[in-house]
PDB file of N, CA and C in Angstrom:
ATOM      1  N   UNK A   1      44.517 -50.488   4.233  1.00  0.00           N
ATOM      2  CA  UNK A   1      43.459 -51.322   4.761  1.00  0.00           C
ATOM      3  C   UNK A   1      43.137 -50.956   6.216  1.00  0.00           C
ATOM      4  N   UNK A   2      44.208 -50.628   6.955  1.00  0.00           N
ATOM      5  CA  UNK A   2      44.043 -50.263   8.358  1.00  0.00           C
ATOM      6  C   UNK A   2      43.194 -49.000   8.496  1.00  0.00           C
ATOM      7  N   UNK A   3      43.382 -48.029   7.567  1.00  0.00           N
ATOM      8  CA  UNK A   3      42.585 -46.798   7.603  1.00  0.00           C
ATOM      9  C   UNK A   3      41.107 -47.082   7.393  1.00  0.00           C
ATOM     10  N   UNK A   4      40.795 -48.007   6.504  1.00  0.00           N
ATOM     11  CA  UNK A   4      39.401 -48.361   6.231  1.00  0.00           C
ATOM     12  C   UNK A   4      38.769 -48.977   7.470  1.00  0.00           C
ATOM     13  N   UNK A   5      39.519 -49.832   8.139  1.00  0.00           N
ATOM     14  CA  UNK A   5      39.017 -50.465   9.357  1.00  0.00           C
ATOM     15  C   UNK A   5      38.794 -49.413  10.434  1.00  0.00           C
ATOM     16  N   UNK A   6      39.746 -48.496  10.589  1.00  0.00           N
ATOM     17  CA  UNK A   6      39.608 -47.433  11.582  1.00  0.00           C
ATOM     18  C   UNK A   6      38.417 -46.527  11.282  1.00  0.00           C
ATOM     19  N   UNK A   7      38.228 -46.170  10.022  1.00  0.00           N
ATOM     20  CA  UNK A   7      37.088 -45.331   9.639  1.00  0.00           C
ATOM     21  C   UNK A   7      35.775 -46.058   9.896  1.00  0.00           C
ATOM     22  N   UNK A   8      35.733 -47.324   9.575  1.00  0.00           N
ATOM     23  CA  UNK A   8      34.534 -48.112   9.805  1.00  0.00           C
ATOM     24  C   UNK A   8      34.236 -48.197  11.308  1.00  0.00           C
ATOM     25  N   UNK A   9      35.284 -48.413  12.088  1.00  0.00           N
ATOM     26  CA  UNK A   9      35.134 -48.489  13.544  1.00  0.00           C
ATOM     27  C   UNK A   9      34.651 -47.145  14.097  1.00  0.00           C
ATOM     28  N   UNK A  10      35.202 -46.056  13.600  1.00  0.00           N
ATOM     29  CA  UNK A  10      34.783 -44.719  14.037  1.00  0.00           C
ATOM     30  C   UNK A  10      33.321 -44.460  13.689  1.00  0.00           C
ATOM     31  N   UNK A  11      32.920 -44.884  12.490  1.00  0.00           N
ATOM     32  CA  UNK A  11      31.537 -44.685  12.048  1.00  0.00           C
ATOM     33  C   UNK A  11      30.583 -45.448  12.964  1.00  0.00           C
ATOM     34  N   UNK A  12      30.947 -46.656  13.332  1.00  0.00           N
ATOM     35  CA  UNK A  12      30.115 -47.456  14.226  1.00  0.00           C
ATOM     36  C   UNK A  12      30.021 -46.790  15.598  1.00  0.00           C
ATOM     37  N   UNK A  13      31.138 -46.276  16.102  1.00  0.00           N
ATOM     38  CA  UNK A  13      31.133 -45.590  17.390  1.00  0.00           C
ATOM     39  C   UNK A  13      30.247 -44.348  17.350  1.00  0.00           C
ATOM     40  N   UNK A  14      30.324 -43.595  16.259  1.00  0.00           N
ATOM     41  CA  UNK A  14      29.497 -42.388  16.130  1.00  0.00           C
ATOM     42  C   UNK A  14      28.022 -42.743  16.081  1.00  0.00           C
ATOM     43  N   UNK A  15      27.677 -43.835  15.375  1.00  0.00           N
ATOM     44  CA  UNK A  15      26.286 -44.268  15.300  1.00  0.00           C
ATOM     45  C   UNK A  15      25.778 -44.685  16.685  1.00  0.00           C
ATOM     46  N   UNK A  16      26.609 -45.418  17.428  1.00  0.00           N
ATOM     47  CA  UNK A  16      26.218 -45.839  18.772  1.00  0.00           C
ATOM     48  C   UNK A  16      26.030 -44.630  19.686  1.00  0.00           C
ATOM     49  N   UNK A  17      26.916 -43.660  19.561  1.00  0.00           N
ATOM     50  CA  UNK A  17      26.817 -42.449  20.377  1.00  0.00           C
ATOM     51  C   UNK A  17      25.525 -41.697  20.056  1.00  0.00           C
ATOM     52  N   UNK A  18      25.203 -41.596  18.767  1.00  0.00           N
ATOM     53  CA  UNK A  18      23.986 -40.901  18.351  1.00  0.00           C
ATOM     54  C   UNK A  18      22.747 -41.633  18.869  1.00  0.00           C
ATOM     55  N   UNK A  19      22.753 -42.961  18.796  1.00  0.00           N
ATOM     56  CA  UNK A  19      21.629 -43.751  19.303  1.00  0.00           C
ATOM     57  C   UNK A  19      21.475 -43.559  20.812  1.00  0.00           C
ATOM     58  N   UNK A  20      22.582 -43.533  21.535  1.00  0.00           N
ATOM     59  CA  UNK A  20      22.541 -43.339  22.976  1.00  0.00           C
ATOM     60  C   UNK A  20      21.999 -41.960  23.325  1.00  0.00           C
ATOM     61  N   UNK A  21      22.399 -40.948  22.561  1.00  0.00           N
ATOM     62  CA  UNK A  21      21.890 -39.599  22.795  1.00  0.00           C
ATOM     63  C   UNK A  21      20.384 -39.544  22.591  1.00  0.00           C
ATOM     64  N   UNK A  22      19.890 -40.263  21.582  1.00  0.00           N
ATOM     65  CA  UNK A  22      18.448 -40.295  21.329  1.00  0.00           C
ATOM     66  C   UNK A  22      17.710 -40.965  22.483  1.00  0.00           C
ATOM     67  N   UNK A  23      18.330 -42.014  23.066  1.00  0.00           N
ATOM     68  CA  UNK A  23      17.705 -42.691  24.200  1.00  0.00           C
ATOM     69  C   UNK A  23      17.651 -41.785  25.422  1.00  0.00           C
ATOM     70  N   UNK A  24      18.663 -40.971  25.609  1.00  0.00           N
ATOM     71  CA  UNK A  24      18.743 -40.093  26.769  1.00  0.00           C
ATOM     72  C   UNK A  24      17.898 -38.834  26.614  1.00  0.00           C
ATOM     73  N   UNK A  25      17.528 -38.498  25.408  1.00  0.00           N
ATOM     74  CA  UNK A  25      16.776 -37.274  25.141  1.00  0.00           C
ATOM     75  C   UNK A  25      15.318 -37.460  25.575  1.00  0.00           C
ATOM     76  N   UNK A  26      14.800 -36.549  26.411  1.00  0.00           N
ATOM     77  CA  UNK A  26      13.399 -36.688  26.827  1.00  0.00           C
ATOM     78  C   UNK A  26      12.446 -36.415  25.660  1.00  0.00           C
ATOM     79  N   UNK A  27      11.335 -37.124  25.678  1.00  0.00           N
ATOM     80  CA  UNK A  27      10.352 -36.902  24.621  1.00  0.00           C
ATOM     81  C   UNK A  27       9.544 -35.636  24.920  1.00  0.00           C
ATOM     82  N   UNK A  28       8.722 -35.231  23.976  1.00  0.00           N
ATOM     83  CA  UNK A  28       7.973 -33.972  24.092  1.00  0.00           C
ATOM     84  C   UNK A  28       7.021 -33.985  25.288  1.00  0.00           C
ATOM     85  N   UNK A  29       6.382 -35.110  25.543  1.00  0.00           N
ATOM     86  CA  UNK A  29       5.450 -35.194  26.670  1.00  0.00           C
ATOM     87  C   UNK A  29       6.188 -35.009  27.991  1.00  0.00           C
ATOM     88  N   UNK A  30       7.349 -35.619  28.119  1.00  0.00           N
ATOM     89  CA  UNK A  30       8.143 -35.475  29.344  1.00  0.00           C
ATOM     90  C   UNK A  30       8.518 -34.020  29.578  1.00  0.00           C
ATOM     91  N   UNK A  31       8.903 -33.339  28.533  1.00  0.00           N
ATOM     92  CA  UNK A  31       9.275 -31.923  28.644  1.00  0.00           C
ATOM     93  C   UNK A  31       8.062 -31.099  29.056  1.00  0.00           C
ATOM     94  N   UNK A  32       6.908 -31.349  28.442  1.00  0.00           N
ATOM     95  CA  UNK A  32       5.693 -30.612  28.795  1.00  0.00           C
ATOM     96  C   UNK A  32       5.300 -30.859  30.241  1.00  0.00           C
ATOM     97  N   UNK A  33       5.395 -32.118  30.696  1.00  0.00           N
ATOM     98  CA  UNK A  33       5.048 -32.437  32.078  1.00  0.00           C
ATOM     99  C   UNK A  33       6.022 -31.798  33.058  1.00  0.00           C
ATOM    100  N   UNK A  34       7.301 -31.755  32.700  1.00  0.00           N
ATOM    101  CA  UNK A  34       8.287 -31.108  33.554  1.00  0.00           C
ATOM    102  C   UNK A  34       7.981 -29.618  33.684  1.00  0.00           C
ATOM    103  N   UNK A  35       7.662 -28.975  32.561  1.00  0.00           N
ATOM    104  CA  UNK A  35       7.317 -27.548  32.597  1.00  0.00           C
ATOM    105  C   UNK A  35       6.073 -27.307  33.449  1.00  0.00           C
ATOM    106  N   UNK A  36       5.077 -28.165  33.281  1.00  0.00           N
ATOM    107  CA  UNK A  36       3.855 -28.063  34.075  1.00  0.00           C
ATOM    108  C   UNK A  36       4.189 -28.189  35.565  1.00  0.00           C
ATOM    109  N   UNK A  37       5.040 -29.145  35.905  1.00  0.00           N
ATOM    110  CA  UNK A  37       5.459 -29.345  37.282  1.00  0.00           C
ATOM    111  C   UNK A  37       6.129 -28.096  37.846  1.00  0.00           C
ATOM    112  N   UNK A  38       6.964 -27.468  37.049  1.00  0.00           N
ATOM    113  CA  UNK A  38       7.648 -26.255  37.496  1.00  0.00           C
ATOM    114  C   UNK A  38       6.653 -25.120  37.714  1.00  0.00           C
ATOM    115  N   UNK A  39       5.625 -25.043  36.866  1.00  0.00           N
ATOM    116  CA  UNK A  39       4.601 -24.008  37.033  1.00  0.00           C
ATOM    117  C   UNK A  39       3.810 -24.232  38.322  1.00  0.00           C
ATOM    118  N   UNK A  40       3.499 -25.491  38.624  1.00  0.00           N
ATOM    119  CA  UNK A  40       2.793 -25.799  39.872  1.00  0.00           C
ATOM    120  C   UNK A  40       3.663 -25.413  41.063  1.00  0.00           C
ATOM    121  N   UNK A  41       4.951 -25.757  41.002  1.00  0.00           N
ATOM    122  CA  UNK A  41       5.873 -25.373  42.075  1.00  0.00           C
ATOM    123  C   UNK A  41       5.904 -23.859  42.262  1.00  0.00           C
ATOM    124  N   UNK A  42       5.924 -23.129  41.156  1.00  0.00           N
ATOM    125  CA  UNK A  42       5.934 -21.665  41.244  1.00  0.00           C
ATOM    126  C   UNK A  42       4.670 -21.132  41.911  1.00  0.00           C
ATOM    127  N   UNK A  43       3.518 -21.719  41.564  1.00  0.00           N
ATOM    128  CA  UNK A  43       2.257 -21.294  42.186  1.00  0.00           C
ATOM    129  C   UNK A  43       2.255 -21.577  43.689  1.00  0.00           C
ATOM    130  N   UNK A  44       2.750 -22.745  44.066  1.00  0.00           N
ATOM    131  CA  UNK A  44       2.800 -23.100  45.484  1.00  0.00           C
ATOM    132  C   UNK A  44       3.729 -22.148  46.229  1.00  0.00           C
ATOM    133  N   UNK A  45       4.891 -21.904  45.664  1.00  0.00           N
ATOM    134  CA  UNK A  45       5.851 -20.991  46.290  1.00  0.00           C
ATOM    135  C   UNK A  45       5.266 -19.593  46.421  1.00  0.00           C
ATOM    136  N   UNK A  46       4.632 -19.121  45.352  1.00  0.00           N
ATOM    137  CA  UNK A  46       4.019 -17.790  45.394  1.00  0.00           C
ATOM    138  C   UNK A  46       2.961 -17.727  46.486  1.00  0.00           C
ATOM    139  N   UNK A  47       2.112 -18.752  46.541  1.00  0.00           N
ATOM    140  CA  UNK A  47       1.048 -18.753  47.548  1.00  0.00           C
ATOM    141  C   UNK A  47       1.578 -18.812  48.961  1.00  0.00           C
ATOM    142  N   UNK A  48       2.545 -19.692  49.190  1.00  0.00           N
ATOM    143  CA  UNK A  48       3.046 -19.889  50.553  1.00  0.00           C
ATOM    144  C   UNK A  48       3.978 -18.774  50.996  1.00  0.00           C
ATOM    145  N   UNK A  49       4.822 -18.306  50.114  1.00  0.00           N
ATOM    146  CA  UNK A  49       5.836 -17.322  50.514  1.00  0.00           C
ATOM    147  C   UNK A  49       5.381 -15.897  50.221  1.00  0.00           C
ATOM    148  N   UNK A  50       5.043 -15.629  48.958  1.00  0.00           N
ATOM    149  CA  UNK A  50       4.703 -14.259  48.573  1.00  0.00           C
ATOM    150  C   UNK A  50       3.362 -13.797  49.148  1.00  0.00           C
ATOM    151  N   UNK A  51       2.371 -14.694  49.121  1.00  0.00           N
ATOM    152  CA  UNK A  51       1.034 -14.313  49.580  1.00  0.00           C
ATOM    153  C   UNK A  51       0.755 -14.744  51.023  1.00  0.00           C
ATOM    154  N   UNK A  52       1.715 -15.390  51.656  1.00  0.00           N
ATOM    155  CA  UNK A  52       1.605 -15.836  53.059  1.00  0.00           C
ATOM    156  C   UNK A  52       0.377 -16.701  53.317  1.00  0.00           C
ATOM    157  N   UNK A  53       0.028 -17.537  52.353  1.00  0.00           N
ATOM    158  CA  UNK A  53      -1.085 -18.457  52.562  1.00  0.00           C
ATOM    159  C   UNK A  53      -0.586 -19.650  53.382  1.00  0.00           C
ATOM    160  N   UNK A  54      -1.415 -20.167  54.283  1.00  0.00           N
ATOM    161  CA  UNK A  54      -0.994 -21.296  55.120  1.00  0.00           C
ATOM    162  C   UNK A  54      -0.758 -22.549  54.267  1.00  0.00           C
ATOM    163  N   UNK A  55       0.372 -23.218  54.455  1.00  0.00           N
ATOM    164  CA  UNK A  55       0.662 -24.432  53.687  1.00  0.00           C
ATOM    165  C   UNK A  55      -0.418 -25.508  53.831  1.00  0.00           C
ATOM    166  N   UNK A  56      -1.037 -25.598  55.021  1.00  0.00           N
ATOM    167  CA  UNK A  56      -2.099 -26.585  55.219  1.00  0.00           C
ATOM    168  C   UNK A  56      -3.285 -26.309  54.301  1.00  0.00           C
ATOM    169  N   UNK A  57      -3.608 -25.035  54.141  1.00  0.00           N
ATOM    170  CA  UNK A  57      -4.727 -24.663  53.270  1.00  0.00           C
ATOM    171  C   UNK A  57      -4.392 -24.951  51.799  1.00  0.00           C
ATOM    172  N   UNK A  58      -3.163 -24.638  51.408  1.00  0.00           N
ATOM    173  CA  UNK A  58      -2.741 -24.917  50.025  1.00  0.00           C
ATOM    174  C   UNK A  58      -2.795 -26.422  49.772  1.00  0.00           C
ATOM    175  N   UNK A  59      -2.323 -27.224  50.736  1.00  0.00           N
ATOM    176  CA  UNK A  59      -2.344 -28.682  50.595  1.00  0.00           C
ATOM    177  C   UNK A  59      -3.776 -29.197  50.466  1.00  0.00           C
ATOM    178  N   UNK A  60      -4.693 -28.629  51.248  1.00  0.00           N
ATOM    179  CA  UNK A  60      -6.091 -29.055  51.174  1.00  0.00           C
ATOM    180  C   UNK A  60      -6.693 -28.739  49.807  1.00  0.00           C
ATOM    181  N   UNK A  61      -6.377 -27.578  49.275  1.00  0.00           N
ATOM    182  CA  UNK A  61      -6.868 -27.207  47.944  1.00  0.00           C
ATOM    183  C   UNK A  61      -6.301 -28.154  46.892  1.00  0.00           C
ATOM    184  N   UNK A  62      -4.989 -28.423  46.980  1.00  0.00           N
ATOM    185  CA  UNK A  62      -4.360 -29.334  46.018  1.00  0.00           C
ATOM    186  C   UNK A  62      -4.948 -30.741  46.118  1.00  0.00           C
ATOM    187  N   UNK A  63      -5.219 -31.203  47.340  1.00  0.00           N
ATOM    188  CA  UNK A  63      -5.813 -32.530  47.518  1.00  0.00           C
ATOM    189  C   UNK A  63      -7.195 -32.593  46.866  1.00  0.00           C
ATOM    190  N   UNK A  64      -7.967 -31.541  47.038  1.00  0.00           N
ATOM    191  CA  UNK A  64      -9.294 -31.497  46.424  1.00  0.00           C
ATOM    192  C   UNK A  64      -9.187 -31.534  44.904  1.00  0.00           C
ATOM    193  N   UNK A  65      -8.312 -30.720  44.352  1.00  0.00           N
ATOM    194  CA  UNK A  65      -8.128 -30.678  42.894  1.00  0.00           C
ATOM    195  C   UNK A  65      -7.570 -31.988  42.366  1.00  0.00           C
ATOM    196  N   UNK A  66      -6.671 -32.619  43.135  1.00  0.00           N
ATOM    197  CA  UNK A  66      -6.112 -33.908  42.732  1.00  0.00           C
ATOM    198  C   UNK A  66      -7.203 -34.979  42.709  1.00  0.00           C
ATOM    199  N   UNK A  67      -8.078 -34.929  43.698  1.00  0.00           N
ATOM    200  CA  UNK A  67      -9.196 -35.876  43.709  1.00  0.00           C
ATOM    201  C   UNK A  67     -10.081 -35.725  42.489  1.00  0.00           C
ATOM    202  N   UNK A  68     -10.337 -34.481  42.101  1.00  0.00           N
ATOM    203  CA  UNK A  68     -11.133 -34.229  40.899  1.00  0.00           C
ATOM    204  C   UNK A  68     -10.428 -34.765  39.658  1.00  0.00           C
ATOM    205  N   UNK A  69      -9.134 -34.532  39.570  1.00  0.00           N
ATOM    206  CA  UNK A  69      -8.354 -35.016  38.434  1.00  0.00           C
ATOM    207  C   UNK A  69      -8.332 -36.539  38.387  1.00  0.00           C
ATOM    208  N   UNK A  70      -8.122 -37.174  39.535  1.00  0.00           N
ATOM    209  CA  UNK A  70      -8.081 -38.636  39.588  1.00  0.00           C
ATOM    210  C   UNK A  70      -9.412 -39.233  39.158  1.00  0.00           C
ATOM    211  N   UNK A  71     -10.500 -38.581  39.509  1.00  0.00           N
ATOM    212  CA  UNK A  71     -11.820 -39.117  39.148  1.00  0.00           C
ATOM    213  C   UNK A  71     -12.042 -39.136  37.636  1.00  0.00           C
ATOM    214  N   UNK A  72     -11.244 -38.378  36.896  1.00  0.00           N
ATOM    215  CA  UNK A  72     -11.359 -38.364  35.430  1.00  0.00           C
ATOM    216  C   UNK A  72     -10.584 -39.507  34.778  1.00  0.00           C
ATOM    217  N   UNK A  73      -9.784 -40.215  35.549  1.00  0.00           N
ATOM    218  CA  UNK A  73      -8.941 -41.279  35.010  1.00  0.00           C
ATOM    219  C   UNK A  73      -9.727 -42.572  34.834  1.00  0.00           C
ATOM    220  N   UNK A  74      -9.342 -43.343  33.839  1.00  0.00           N
ATOM    221  CA  UNK A  74      -9.940 -44.665  33.635  1.00  0.00           C
ATOM    222  C   UNK A  74      -9.508 -45.644  34.727  1.00  0.00           C
ATOM    223  N   UNK A  75      -8.383 -45.366  35.353  1.00  0.00           N
ATOM    224  CA  UNK A  75      -7.844 -46.237  36.405  1.00  0.00           C
ATOM    225  C   UNK A  75      -7.741 -45.441  37.698  1.00  0.00           C
ATOM    226  N   UNK A  76      -8.856 -44.886  38.141  1.00  0.00           N
ATOM    227  CA  UNK A  76      -8.829 -43.971  39.280  1.00  0.00           C
ATOM    228  C   UNK A  76      -8.357 -44.645  40.572  1.00  0.00           C
ATOM    229  N   UNK A  77      -8.716 -45.909  40.785  1.00  0.00           N
ATOM    230  CA  UNK A  77      -8.305 -46.592  42.014  1.00  0.00           C
ATOM    231  C   UNK A  77      -6.791 -46.761  42.036  1.00  0.00           C
ATOM    232  N   UNK A  78      -6.226 -47.249  40.927  1.00  0.00           N
ATOM    233  CA  UNK A  78      -4.781 -47.451  40.849  1.00  0.00           C
ATOM    234  C   UNK A  78      -4.031 -46.124  40.944  1.00  0.00           C
ATOM    235  N   UNK A  79      -4.551 -45.100  40.285  1.00  0.00           N
ATOM    236  CA  UNK A  79      -3.913 -43.794  40.321  1.00  0.00           C
ATOM    237  C   UNK A  79      -3.956 -43.206  41.723  1.00  0.00           C
ATOM    238  N   UNK A  80      -5.069 -43.371  42.404  1.00  0.00           N
ATOM    239  CA  UNK A  80      -5.200 -42.877  43.770  1.00  0.00           C
ATOM    240  C   UNK A  80      -4.194 -43.575  44.690  1.00  0.00           C
ATOM    241  N   UNK A  81      -4.060 -44.893  44.559  1.00  0.00           N
ATOM    242  CA  UNK A  81      -3.097 -45.642  45.365  1.00  0.00           C
ATOM    243  C   UNK A  81      -1.666 -45.196  45.060  1.00  0.00           C
ATOM    244  N   UNK A  82      -1.371 -44.978  43.786  1.00  0.00           N
ATOM    245  CA  UNK A  82      -0.047 -44.525  43.384  1.00  0.00           C
ATOM    246  C   UNK A  82       0.260 -43.154  43.979  1.00  0.00           C
ATOM    247  N   UNK A  83      -0.696 -42.243  43.903  1.00  0.00           N
ATOM    248  CA  UNK A  83      -0.498 -40.896  44.464  1.00  0.00           C
ATOM    249  C   UNK A  83      -0.309 -40.960  45.975  1.00  0.00           C
ATOM    250  N   UNK A  84      -1.080 -41.806  46.653  1.00  0.00           N
ATOM    251  CA  UNK A  84      -0.912 -41.966  48.098  1.00  0.00           C
ATOM    252  C   UNK A  84       0.488 -42.476  48.422  1.00  0.00           C
ATOM    253  N   UNK A  85       0.964 -43.417  47.635  1.00  0.00           N
ATOM    254  CA  UNK A  85       2.310 -43.960  47.838  1.00  0.00           C
ATOM    255  C   UNK A  85       3.360 -42.861  47.691  1.00  0.00           C
ATOM    256  N   UNK A  86       3.222 -42.034  46.669  1.00  0.00           N
ATOM    257  CA  UNK A  86       4.179 -40.937  46.463  1.00  0.00           C
ATOM    258  C   UNK A  86       4.123 -39.958  47.632  1.00  0.00           C
ATOM    259  N   UNK A  87       2.928 -39.607  48.070  1.00  0.00           N
ATOM    260  CA  UNK A  87       2.779 -38.670  49.185  1.00  0.00           C
ATOM    261  C   UNK A  87       3.429 -39.247  50.443  1.00  0.00           C
ATOM    262  N   UNK A  88       3.210 -40.526  50.707  1.00  0.00           N
ATOM    263  CA  UNK A  88       3.819 -41.155  51.875  1.00  0.00           C
ATOM    264  C   UNK A  88       5.341 -41.131  51.782  1.00  0.00           C
ATOM    265  N   UNK A  89       5.879 -41.420  50.602  1.00  0.00           N
ATOM    266  CA  UNK A  89       7.334 -41.408  50.422  1.00  0.00           C
ATOM    267  C   UNK A  89       7.891 -40.001  50.591  1.00  0.00           C
ATOM    268  N   UNK A  90       7.213 -39.016  50.035  1.00  0.00           N
ATOM    269  CA  UNK A  90       7.684 -37.637  50.153  1.00  0.00           C
ATOM    270  C   UNK A  90       7.631 -37.178  51.609  1.00  0.00           C
ATOM    271  N   UNK A  91       6.598 -37.565  52.322  1.00  0.00           N
ATOM    272  CA  UNK A  91       6.454 -37.169  53.719  1.00  0.00           C
ATOM    273  C   UNK A  91       7.476 -37.882  54.598  1.00  0.00           C
ATOM    274  N   UNK A  92       7.776 -39.128  54.304  1.00  0.00           N
ATOM    275  CA  UNK A  92       8.737 -39.869  55.122  1.00  0.00           C
ATOM    276  C   UNK A  92      10.155 -39.374  54.888  1.00  0.00           C
ATOM    277  N   UNK A  93      10.385 -38.697  53.785  1.00  0.00           N
ATOM    278  CA  UNK A  93      11.717 -38.174  53.477  1.00  0.00           C
ATOM    279  C   UNK A  93      12.179 -37.228  54.578  1.00  0.00           C
ATOM    280  N   UNK A  94      11.263 -36.476  55.120  1.00  0.00           N
ATOM    281  CA  UNK A  94      11.615 -35.538  56.188  1.00  0.00           C
ATOM    282  C   UNK A  94      12.173 -36.276  57.403  1.00  0.00           C
ATOM    283  N   UNK A  95      11.584 -37.437  57.705  1.00  0.00           N
ATOM    284  CA  UNK A  95      11.987 -38.190  58.892  1.00  0.00           C
ATOM    285  C   UNK A  95      13.324 -38.900  58.674  1.00  0.00           C
ATOM    286  N   UNK A  96      13.531 -39.448  57.493  1.00  0.00           N
ATOM    287  CA  UNK A  96      14.721 -40.268  57.273  1.00  0.00           C
ATOM    288  C   UNK A  96      15.854 -39.525  56.600  1.00  0.00           C
ATOM    289  N   UNK A  97      15.520 -38.484  55.859  1.00  0.00           N
ATOM    290  CA  UNK A  97      16.546 -37.767  55.113  1.00  0.00           C
ATOM    291  C   UNK A  97      16.924 -38.460  53.819  1.00  0.00           C
ATOM    292  N   UNK A  98      16.285 -39.581  53.515  1.00  0.00           N
ATOM    293  CA  UNK A  98      16.583 -40.298  52.283  1.00  0.00           C
ATOM    294  C   UNK A  98      15.721 -39.744  51.156  1.00  0.00           C
ATOM    295  N   UNK A  99      16.238 -39.791  49.929  1.00  0.00           N
ATOM    296  CA  UNK A  99      15.429 -39.300  48.809  1.00  0.00           C
ATOM    297  C   UNK A  99      14.216 -40.181  48.565  1.00  0.00           C
ATOM    298  N   UNK A 100      13.120 -39.537  48.182  1.00  0.00           N
ATOM    299  CA  UNK A 100      11.904 -40.284  47.865  1.00  0.00           C
ATOM    300  C   UNK A 100      12.078 -40.880  46.521  1.00  0.00           C
TER     301      UNK A 100
END
């Protein structure tokens, strides 16, 4: 009887572990967005380091493109405010050393 209880307990633990793994696993959209983010980082690095483009100019181009992208959103005002908040947090990180 003890073996049956132990097997049942083990089965429950394995099911919980599998469910937890599914919760921790990123969905397809998250993976695609992460890859896209890495590609943008690569372009910025290439432009600033390899091609010696001024970071201020790259930032201005990105701001222009971001504005165009935001204008396509159904919630452009909220998205614009959210992006401004992120930019402020990222910029303040330099001053405080705390993670954004």
